[in-house]
Amino acid sequence: MDKIKTQKEILRSPSVLLSVFDFVQKEKGKKLYYKGWVSNNIKVSIIKGTSILQLIYLDTDKDLVLDVLDRISSTYQEYSGKQRKRNIELGLI
């Protein structure tokens, strides 16, 4: 269960979300603060009895929501792919 909690925090981290945050800030045309944006707009939970993460993105701009969710999904998949590759490389050494 600790591994899934770690993934939950990784999903909320700047390593994964910074490019999405920059996109949202540009689209809104105003200065946002990363910590405030994450705590107000990003909700990540673990679906009970599973190791599945559920992500909810909240925004008053309905046109932005699907694009942001797609970007978060792509960025997280890219990040986790890099992690998997790195772990395989370390295992070979």
N, C-alpha and C. Protein backbone atom coordinates (compact mmCIF):
# COMPACT_ATOMS: atom_id res chain seq x y z
N MET A 1 0.82 -1.20 0.00
CA MET A 1 0.00 0.00 0.00
C MET A 1 0.86 1.27 0.00
N ASP A 2 2.07 1.19 0.57
CA ASP A 2 2.95 2.36 0.58
C ASP A 2 3.34 2.77 -0.83
N LYS A 3 3.50 1.78 -1.72
CA LYS A 3 3.89 2.07 -3.10
C LYS A 3 2.81 2.90 -3.80
N ILE A 4 1.55 2.58 -3.58
CA ILE A 4 0.47 3.32 -4.22
C ILE A 4 0.34 4.72 -3.62
N LYS A 5 0.62 4.86 -2.32
CA LYS A 5 0.61 6.19 -1.70
C LYS A 5 1.72 7.05 -2.29
N THR A 6 2.86 6.42 -2.55
CA THR A 6 3.97 7.13 -3.19
C THR A 6 3.56 7.60 -4.58
N GLN A 7 2.91 6.73 -5.34
CA GLN A 7 2.45 7.10 -6.68
C GLN A 7 1.45 8.26 -6.63
N LYS A 8 0.62 8.26 -5.61
CA LYS A 8 -0.36 9.34 -5.42
C LYS A 8 0.36 10.67 -5.26
N GLU A 9 1.42 10.70 -4.45
CA GLU A 9 2.16 11.93 -4.24
C GLU A 9 2.97 12.31 -5.48
N ILE A 10 3.49 11.32 -6.18
CA ILE A 10 4.21 11.60 -7.43
C ILE A 10 3.28 12.27 -8.42
N LEU A 11 2.06 11.78 -8.51
CA LEU A 11 1.08 12.35 -9.44
C LEU A 11 0.79 13.81 -9.15
N ARG A 12 0.89 14.23 -7.91
CA ARG A 12 0.65 15.62 -7.52
C ARG A 12 1.92 16.48 -7.57
N SER A 13 3.05 15.88 -7.86
CA SER A 13 4.33 16.57 -7.76
C SER A 13 4.63 17.43 -8.99
N PRO A 14 5.50 18.44 -8.82
CA PRO A 14 5.92 19.26 -9.96
C PRO A 14 6.62 18.43 -11.05
N SER A 15 7.25 17.33 -10.67
CA SER A 15 7.90 16.47 -11.67
C SER A 15 6.92 16.03 -12.74
N VAL A 16 5.68 15.82 -12.35
CA VAL A 16 4.64 15.37 -13.27
C VAL A 16 3.80 16.54 -13.77
N LEU A 17 3.45 17.46 -12.89
CA LEU A 17 2.42 18.45 -13.22
C LEU A 17 2.93 19.82 -13.67
N LEU A 18 4.23 20.07 -13.59
CA LEU A 18 4.70 21.43 -13.87
C LEU A 18 4.36 21.88 -15.29
N SER A 19 4.53 21.02 -16.28
CA SER A 19 4.21 21.43 -17.66
C SER A 19 2.70 21.67 -17.82
N VAL A 20 1.88 20.89 -17.11
CA VAL A 20 0.43 21.08 -17.15
C VAL A 20 0.08 22.40 -16.46
N PHE A 21 0.70 22.66 -15.33
CA PHE A 21 0.49 23.91 -14.61
C PHE A 21 0.84 25.11 -15.49
N ASP A 22 1.97 25.04 -16.19
CA ASP A 22 2.38 26.12 -17.09
C ASP A 22 1.33 26.33 -18.19
N PHE A 23 0.80 25.23 -18.73
CA PHE A 23 -0.24 25.31 -19.75
C PHE A 23 -1.48 26.01 -19.20
N VAL A 24 -1.93 25.61 -18.02
CA VAL A 24 -3.14 26.20 -17.42
C VAL A 24 -2.91 27.70 -17.16
N GLN A 25 -1.75 28.02 -16.64
CA GLN A 25 -1.44 29.42 -16.35
C GLN A 25 -1.47 30.25 -17.64
N LYS A 26 -0.91 29.70 -18.72
CA LYS A 26 -0.90 30.40 -20.01
C LYS A 26 -2.33 30.55 -20.54
N GLU A 27 -3.13 29.48 -20.46
CA GLU A 27 -4.50 29.52 -20.97
C GLU A 27 -5.37 30.51 -20.19
N LYS A 28 -5.16 30.60 -18.91
CA LYS A 28 -5.95 31.51 -18.08
C LYS A 28 -5.44 32.95 -18.17
N GLY A 29 -4.19 33.09 -18.61
CA GLY A 29 -3.62 34.43 -18.77
C GLY A 29 -3.41 35.16 -17.46
N LYS A 30 -3.15 34.41 -16.41
CA LYS A 30 -2.90 35.06 -15.13
C LYS A 30 -1.91 34.24 -14.32
N LYS A 31 -1.31 34.91 -13.34
CA LYS A 31 -0.32 34.27 -12.46
C LYS A 31 -1.03 33.38 -11.46
N LEU A 32 -0.61 32.12 -11.42
CA LEU A 32 -1.13 31.16 -10.44
C LEU A 32 0.04 30.69 -9.58
N TYR A 33 -0.27 30.13 -8.44
CA TYR A 33 0.75 29.54 -7.58
C TYR A 33 0.56 28.03 -7.57
N TYR A 34 1.66 27.32 -7.80
CA TYR A 34 1.59 25.87 -7.98
C TYR A 34 0.88 25.18 -6.82
N LYS A 35 1.32 25.44 -5.59
CA LYS A 35 0.73 24.74 -4.43
C LYS A 35 -0.76 25.02 -4.30
N GLY A 36 -1.16 26.26 -4.53
CA GLY A 36 -2.57 26.61 -4.47
C GLY A 36 -3.36 25.94 -5.58
N TRP A 37 -2.80 25.92 -6.78
CA TRP A 37 -3.46 25.28 -7.92
C TRP A 37 -3.68 23.79 -7.65
N VAL A 38 -2.64 23.12 -7.17
CA VAL A 38 -2.76 21.69 -6.90
C VAL A 38 -3.77 21.44 -5.79
N SER A 39 -3.67 22.17 -4.69
CA SER A 39 -4.58 21.89 -3.57
C SER A 39 -6.03 22.25 -3.87
N ASN A 40 -6.26 23.24 -4.74
CA ASN A 40 -7.63 23.65 -5.06
C ASN A 40 -8.23 22.91 -6.26
N ASN A 41 -7.39 22.45 -7.18
CA ASN A 41 -7.90 21.92 -8.45
C ASN A 41 -7.64 20.44 -8.68
N ILE A 42 -6.66 19.86 -8.01
CA ILE A 42 -6.29 18.46 -8.25
C ILE A 42 -6.66 17.63 -7.03
N LYS A 43 -7.50 16.64 -7.23
CA LYS A 43 -7.87 15.71 -6.16
C LYS A 43 -7.46 14.31 -6.61
N VAL A 44 -6.61 13.67 -5.83
CA VAL A 44 -6.15 12.31 -6.14
C VAL A 44 -6.53 11.41 -4.97
N SER A 45 -7.18 10.31 -5.29
CA SER A 45 -7.54 9.35 -4.25
C SER A 45 -7.27 7.94 -4.74
N ILE A 46 -7.24 7.02 -3.80
CA ILE A 46 -7.05 5.61 -4.12
C ILE A 46 -8.43 4.95 -4.04
N ILE A 47 -8.80 4.26 -5.11
CA ILE A 47 -10.09 3.57 -5.10
C ILE A 47 -10.00 2.42 -4.12
N LYS A 48 -10.90 2.41 -3.15
CA LYS A 48 -10.88 1.46 -2.05
C LYS A 48 -10.77 0.02 -2.55
N GLY A 49 -9.86 -0.72 -1.94
CA GLY A 49 -9.68 -2.13 -2.25
C GLY A 49 -8.89 -2.40 -3.52
N THR A 50 -8.32 -1.32 -4.12
CA THR A 50 -7.56 -1.49 -5.35
C THR A 50 -6.24 -0.73 -5.24
N SER A 51 -5.46 -0.81 -6.29
CA SER A 51 -4.26 0.01 -6.39
C SER A 51 -4.44 1.02 -7.53
N ILE A 52 -5.68 1.42 -7.74
CA ILE A 52 -6.01 2.36 -8.82
C ILE A 52 -6.14 3.76 -8.24
N LEU A 53 -5.48 4.70 -8.90
CA LEU A 53 -5.58 6.10 -8.52
C LEU A 53 -6.70 6.76 -9.30
N GLN A 54 -7.49 7.55 -8.61
CA GLN A 54 -8.55 8.32 -9.25
C GLN A 54 -8.17 9.79 -9.15
N LEU A 55 -8.15 10.47 -10.30
CA LEU A 55 -7.78 11.87 -10.34
C LEU A 55 -8.99 12.69 -10.77
N ILE A 56 -9.24 13.75 -10.04
CA ILE A 56 -10.31 14.69 -10.38
C ILE A 56 -9.67 16.05 -10.58
N TYR A 57 -10.00 16.69 -11.70
CA TYR A 57 -9.52 18.06 -11.95
C TYR A 57 -10.72 18.99 -11.93
N LEU A 58 -10.66 19.99 -11.08
CA LEU A 58 -11.74 20.96 -10.93
C LEU A 58 -11.33 22.30 -11.53
N ASP A 59 -12.22 22.89 -12.34
CA ASP A 59 -11.93 24.19 -12.92
C ASP A 59 -13.23 24.84 -13.35
N THR A 60 -13.32 26.15 -13.23
CA THR A 60 -14.52 26.86 -13.66
C THR A 60 -14.58 26.98 -15.19
N ASP A 61 -13.45 26.83 -15.85
CA ASP A 61 -13.39 26.87 -17.32
C ASP A 61 -13.61 25.45 -17.85
N LYS A 62 -14.85 25.14 -18.20
CA LYS A 62 -15.21 23.79 -18.62
C LYS A 62 -14.45 23.35 -19.87
N ASP A 63 -14.11 24.28 -20.75
CA ASP A 63 -13.38 23.94 -21.97
C ASP A 63 -11.95 23.47 -21.67
N LEU A 64 -11.45 23.81 -20.54
CA LEU A 64 -10.08 23.48 -20.17
C LEU A 64 -9.96 22.10 -19.51
N VAL A 65 -11.01 21.61 -18.90
CA VAL A 65 -10.95 20.42 -18.06
C VAL A 65 -10.45 19.18 -18.81
N LEU A 66 -11.06 18.84 -19.94
CA LEU A 66 -10.65 17.63 -20.67
C LEU A 66 -9.22 17.73 -21.17
N ASP A 67 -8.84 18.90 -21.67
CA ASP A 67 -7.47 19.08 -22.15
C ASP A 67 -6.46 18.89 -21.02
N VAL A 68 -6.77 19.45 -19.85
CA VAL A 68 -5.88 19.33 -18.70
C VAL A 68 -5.79 17.87 -18.25
N LEU A 69 -6.92 17.18 -18.18
CA LEU A 69 -6.90 15.76 -17.80
C LEU A 69 -6.09 14.93 -18.78
N ASP A 70 -6.22 15.19 -20.07
CA ASP A 70 -5.42 14.48 -21.08
C ASP A 70 -3.93 14.74 -20.88
N ARG A 71 -3.60 15.98 -20.61
CA ARG A 71 -2.18 16.33 -20.40
C ARG A 71 -1.62 15.68 -19.13
N ILE A 72 -2.41 15.68 -18.08
CA ILE A 72 -1.96 15.03 -16.84
C ILE A 72 -1.73 13.54 -17.08
N SER A 73 -2.67 12.90 -17.76
CA SER A 73 -2.56 11.47 -18.04
C SER A 73 -1.31 11.18 -18.87
N SER A 74 -1.09 11.94 -19.92
CA SER A 74 0.08 11.73 -20.79
C SER A 74 1.38 11.95 -20.03
N THR A 75 1.42 13.01 -19.26
CA THR A 75 2.64 13.34 -18.51
C THR A 75 2.96 12.27 -17.47
N TYR A 76 1.93 11.81 -16.77
CA TYR A 76 2.13 10.76 -15.75
C TYR A 76 2.59 9.45 -16.40
N GLN A 77 1.99 9.10 -17.53
CA GLN A 77 2.40 7.88 -18.23
C GLN A 77 3.85 7.97 -18.70
N GLU A 78 4.22 9.14 -19.20
CA GLU A 78 5.60 9.36 -19.63
C GLU A 78 6.55 9.24 -18.44
N TYR A 79 6.19 9.87 -17.33
CA TYR A 79 7.02 9.81 -16.12
C TYR A 79 7.16 8.37 -15.62
N SER A 80 6.06 7.64 -15.54
CA SER A 80 6.13 6.28 -15.01
C SER A 80 6.88 5.36 -15.97
N GLY A 81 6.84 5.64 -17.26
CA GLY A 81 7.63 4.87 -18.23
C GLY A 81 9.12 5.09 -18.03
N LYS A 82 9.50 6.32 -17.74
CA LYS A 82 10.91 6.63 -17.47
C LYS A 82 11.37 5.91 -16.21
N GLN A 83 10.51 5.92 -15.18
CA GLN A 83 10.84 5.24 -13.92
C GLN A 83 11.04 3.74 -14.15
N ARG A 84 10.13 3.14 -14.90
CA ARG A 84 10.21 1.71 -15.18
C ARG A 84 11.50 1.38 -15.92
N LYS A 85 11.83 2.20 -16.93
CA LYS A 85 13.06 2.00 -17.70
C LYS A 85 14.28 2.13 -16.80
N ARG A 86 14.28 3.12 -15.93
CA ARG A 86 15.42 3.34 -15.01
C ARG A 86 15.57 2.16 -14.06
N ASN A 87 14.46 1.63 -13.54
CA ASN A 87 14.52 0.49 -12.64
C ASN A 87 15.06 -0.74 -13.34
N ILE A 88 14.71 -0.93 -14.59
CA ILE A 88 15.24 -2.06 -15.37
C ILE A 88 16.74 -1.87 -15.57
N GLU A 89 17.17 -0.67 -15.91
CA GLU A 89 18.59 -0.39 -16.10
C GLU A 89 19.37 -0.67 -14.81
N LEU A 90 18.83 -0.25 -13.67
CA LEU A 90 19.52 -0.48 -12.40
C LEU A 90 19.58 -1.96 -12.07
N GLY A 91 18.55 -2.70 -12.48
CA GLY A 91 18.53 -4.14 -12.24
C GLY A 91 19.56 -4.89 -13.07
N LEU A 92 19.91 -4.33 -14.22
CA LEU A 92 20.89 -4.97 -15.08
C LEU A 92 22.32 -4.72 -14.64
N ILE A 93 22.53 -3.67 -13.88
CA ILE A 93 23.90 -3.32 -13.46
C ILE A 93 24.40 -4.20 -12.37
